[in-house]
Amino acid sequence: MAYDDCLTGAWLSTWLGIDTARIDRMRRGGELIGIRPVGAGAWLYPAWQFQNGKPRATVPRIVAAAADAGLDEHRLYTVLTMRAGLGAEQRRLVDVLVAGGDDQVVTAVRESRPLQ
């Protein structure tokens, strides 16, 4: 899986003006969505979870909903970025998130299932 919409921790550190250790603490604390690709040592952070240089306020709710549903970071990323619907209206949950549909995204994540 390609993570073309993700930022490295080093890049994010420079952009936000905080050290990478704090970014890691934020991820572990449920304040950021992070994905570690299989076989990679570094975490990646989806750019769409940020707005105006800050994490979106709903990110902790999304992370908590994923934990409640038993989703790991790879499944959460897949759920948030997969296309849904038919035809030209194939929106992703991240598109709904960016459009302000926070509650809809949290509900969809909470209702998702882990891969078996």
C-alpha atoms as a PDB file:
ATOM      1  CA  MET A   1       0.000   0.000   0.000  1.00  0.00           C
ATOM      2  CA  ALA A   2       1.299   3.465  -0.888  1.00  0.00           C
ATOM      3  CA  TYR A   3       1.035   6.193   1.691  1.00  0.00           C
ATOM      4  CA  ASP A   4       1.303   9.128  -0.720  1.00  0.00           C
ATOM      5  CA  ASP A   5      -0.828  11.354   1.523  1.00  0.00           C
ATOM      6  CA  CYS A   6       1.452  10.922   4.549  1.00  0.00           C
ATOM      7  CA  LEU A   7       4.245  12.970   6.078  1.00  0.00           C
ATOM      8  CA  THR A   8       7.342  11.664   7.815  1.00  0.00           C
ATOM      9  CA  GLY A   9       7.869  12.462  11.465  1.00  0.00           C
ATOM     10  CA  ALA A  10      10.927  14.553  10.571  1.00  0.00           C
ATOM     11  CA  TRP A  11       8.987  16.614   8.044  1.00  0.00           C
ATOM     12  CA  LEU A  12       6.097  16.988  10.468  1.00  0.00           C
ATOM     13  CA  SER A  13       8.484  18.078  13.212  1.00  0.00           C
ATOM     14  CA  THR A  14       9.811  20.882  11.030  1.00  0.00           C
ATOM     15  CA  TRP A  15       6.349  21.906   9.826  1.00  0.00           C
ATOM     16  CA  LEU A  16       4.786  22.001  13.320  1.00  0.00           C
ATOM     17  CA  GLY A  17       7.913  23.315  15.022  1.00  0.00           C
ATOM     18  CA  ILE A  18       7.990  20.542  17.630  1.00  0.00           C
ATOM     19  CA  ASP A  19      10.458  17.726  18.187  1.00  0.00           C
ATOM     20  CA  THR A  20       9.894  14.203  16.904  1.00  0.00           C
ATOM     21  CA  ALA A  21       9.708  12.820  20.442  1.00  0.00           C
ATOM     22  CA  ARG A  22       6.651  14.987  21.102  1.00  0.00           C
ATOM     23  CA  ILE A  23       5.080  13.834  17.839  1.00  0.00           C
ATOM     24  CA  ASP A  24       5.609  10.236  18.946  1.00  0.00           C
ATOM     25  CA  ARG A  25       4.030  11.000  22.337  1.00  0.00           C
ATOM     26  CA  MET A  26       1.062  12.596  20.566  1.00  0.00           C
ATOM     27  CA  ARG A  27       0.624   9.472  18.424  1.00  0.00           C
ATOM     28  CA  ARG A  28       0.874   7.138  21.415  1.00  0.00           C
ATOM     29  CA  GLY A  29      -1.527   9.387  23.338  1.00  0.00           C
ATOM     30  CA  GLY A  30      -4.192   9.200  20.629  1.00  0.00           C
ATOM     31  CA  GLU A  31      -3.741  12.782  19.449  1.00  0.00           C
ATOM     32  CA  LEU A  32      -2.390  11.815  15.997  1.00  0.00           C
ATOM     33  CA  ILE A  33      -3.026   9.046  13.520  1.00  0.00           C
ATOM     34  CA  GLY A  34       0.217   7.325  12.622  1.00  0.00           C
ATOM     35  CA  ILE A  35       0.962   4.386  10.348  1.00  0.00           C
ATOM     36  CA  ARG A  36       4.125   2.331  10.346  1.00  0.00           C
ATOM     37  CA  PRO A  37       4.400   0.585   6.977  1.00  0.00           C
ATOM     38  CA  VAL A  38       5.267  -3.099   7.180  1.00  0.00           C
ATOM     39  CA  GLY A  39       9.041  -3.477   7.327  1.00  0.00           C
ATOM     40  CA  ALA A  40       9.653   0.228   7.957  1.00  0.00           C
ATOM     41  CA  GLY A  41      11.127   1.708  11.092  1.00  0.00           C
ATOM     42  CA  ALA A  42       9.557   5.158  10.833  1.00  0.00           C
ATOM     43  CA  TRP A  43       5.985   6.264  11.421  1.00  0.00           C
ATOM     44  CA  LEU A  44       4.046   8.205   8.788  1.00  0.00           C
ATOM     45  CA  TYR A  45       1.307  10.730   9.525  1.00  0.00           C
ATOM     46  CA  PRO A  46      -1.580  11.363   7.108  1.00  0.00           C
ATOM     47  CA  ALA A  47      -1.622  15.015   6.052  1.00  0.00           C
ATOM     48  CA  TRP A  48      -5.434  15.176   6.005  1.00  0.00           C
ATOM     49  CA  GLN A  49      -5.558  14.935   9.809  1.00  0.00           C
ATOM     50  CA  PHE A  50      -4.195  18.498   9.972  1.00  0.00           C
ATOM     51  CA  GLN A  51      -5.961  21.788   9.433  1.00  0.00           C
ATOM     52  CA  ASN A  52      -4.248  25.173   9.552  1.00  0.00           C
ATOM     53  CA  GLY A  53      -1.039  23.647  10.900  1.00  0.00           C
ATOM     54  CA  LYS A  54      -2.709  21.760  13.772  1.00  0.00           C
ATOM     55  CA  PRO A  55      -4.262  18.327  14.218  1.00  0.00           C
ATOM     56  CA  ARG A  56      -8.006  18.414  13.587  1.00  0.00           C
ATOM     57  CA  ALA A  57      -9.930  18.521  16.859  1.00  0.00           C
ATOM     58  CA  THR A  58     -11.746  15.293  16.007  1.00  0.00           C
ATOM     59  CA  VAL A  59      -8.603  13.160  15.553  1.00  0.00           C
ATOM     60  CA  PRO A  60      -8.630  11.931  19.199  1.00  0.00           C
ATOM     61  CA  ARG A  61     -12.281  10.891  18.758  1.00  0.00           C
ATOM     62  CA  ILE A  62     -11.401   8.984  15.587  1.00  0.00           C
ATOM     63  CA  VAL A  63      -8.476   7.234  17.295  1.00  0.00           C
ATOM     64  CA  ALA A  64     -10.688   6.330  20.278  1.00  0.00           C
ATOM     65  CA  ALA A  65     -13.433   5.011  17.983  1.00  0.00           C
ATOM     66  CA  ALA A  66     -10.847   2.873  16.168  1.00  0.00           C
ATOM     67  CA  ALA A  67      -9.617   1.469  19.489  1.00  0.00           C
ATOM     68  CA  ASP A  68     -13.209   0.702  20.533  1.00  0.00           C
ATOM     69  CA  ALA A  69     -13.759  -1.123  17.226  1.00  0.00           C
ATOM     70  CA  GLY A  70     -10.488  -3.078  17.569  1.00  0.00           C
ATOM     71  CA  LEU A  71      -8.864  -1.469  14.518  1.00  0.00           C
ATOM     72  CA  ASP A  72      -5.089  -1.261  14.266  1.00  0.00           C
ATOM     73  CA  GLU A  73      -3.479   1.717  12.526  1.00  0.00           C
ATOM     74  CA  HIS A  74      -3.363  -0.050   9.150  1.00  0.00           C
ATOM     75  CA  ARG A  75      -7.061  -0.937   9.215  1.00  0.00           C
ATOM     76  CA  LEU A  76      -7.967   2.573  10.412  1.00  0.00           C
ATOM     77  CA  TYR A  77      -6.026   4.105   7.524  1.00  0.00           C
ATOM     78  CA  THR A  78      -7.722   1.729   5.081  1.00  0.00           C
ATOM     79  CA  VAL A  79     -11.192   2.509   6.435  1.00  0.00           C
ATOM     80  CA  LEU A  80     -10.574   6.241   6.237  1.00  0.00           C
ATOM     81  CA  THR A  81      -9.122   6.213   2.714  1.00  0.00           C
ATOM     82  CA  MET A  82     -11.077   3.555   0.829  1.00  0.00           C
ATOM     83  CA  ARG A  83     -13.618   4.651  -1.751  1.00  0.00           C
ATOM     84  CA  ALA A  84     -17.282   4.154  -0.920  1.00  0.00           C
ATOM     85  CA  GLY A  85     -20.308   4.453  -3.135  1.00  0.00           C
ATOM     86  CA  LEU A  86     -20.915   3.998  -6.821  1.00  0.00           C
ATOM     87  CA  GLY A  87     -19.999   6.048  -9.854  1.00  0.00           C
ATOM     88  CA  ALA A  88     -18.618   9.551  -9.656  1.00  0.00           C
ATOM     89  CA  GLU A  89     -19.698   9.999  -6.044  1.00  0.00           C
ATOM     90  CA  GLN A  90     -17.025   7.711  -4.630  1.00  0.00           C
ATOM     91  CA  ARG A  91     -16.121   9.677  -1.527  1.00  0.00           C
ATOM     92  CA  ARG A  92     -13.677   8.594   1.105  1.00  0.00           C
ATOM     93  CA  LEU A  93     -14.207   9.139   4.827  1.00  0.00           C
ATOM     94  CA  VAL A  94     -11.251  11.543   4.778  1.00  0.00           C
ATOM     95  CA  ASP A  95     -13.184  13.630   2.231  1.00  0.00           C
ATOM     96  CA  VAL A  96     -16.113  13.715   4.669  1.00  0.00           C
ATOM     97  CA  LEU A  97     -13.693  14.657   7.471  1.00  0.00           C
ATOM     98  CA  VAL A  98     -12.178  17.525   5.478  1.00  0.00           C
ATOM     99  CA  ALA A  99     -15.705  18.721   4.623  1.00  0.00           C
ATOM    100  CA  GLY A 100     -16.552  18.919   8.344  1.00  0.00           C
ATOM    101  CA  GLY A 101     -18.471  15.672   8.810  1.00  0.00           C
ATOM    102  CA  ASP A 102     -16.681  14.782  12.037  1.00  0.00           C
ATOM    103  CA  ASP A 103     -19.559  12.891  13.676  1.00  0.00           C
ATOM    104  CA  GLN A 104     -20.220  10.865  10.520  1.00  0.00           C
ATOM    105  CA  VAL A 105     -16.558   9.825  10.344  1.00  0.00           C
ATOM    106  CA  VAL A 106     -16.387   8.867  14.031  1.00  0.00           C
ATOM    107  CA  THR A 107     -19.567   6.786  13.675  1.00  0.00           C
ATOM    108  CA  ALA A 108     -18.297   5.035  10.535  1.00  0.00           C
ATOM    109  CA  VAL A 109     -14.977   4.195  12.195  1.00  0.00           C
ATOM    110  CA  ARG A 110     -16.715   2.911  15.336  1.00  0.00           C
ATOM    111  CA  GLU A 111     -18.939   0.661  13.172  1.00  0.00           C
ATOM    112  CA  SER A 112     -15.996  -0.730  11.169  1.00  0.00           C
ATOM    113  CA  ARG A 113     -14.623  -4.190  11.789  1.00  0.00           C
ATOM    114  CA  PRO A 114     -11.042  -5.384  12.018  1.00  0.00           C
ATOM    115  CA  LEU A 115      -9.789  -7.665   9.281  1.00  0.00           C
ATOM    116  CA  GLN A 116     -10.013 -11.312  10.216  1.00  0.00           C
END
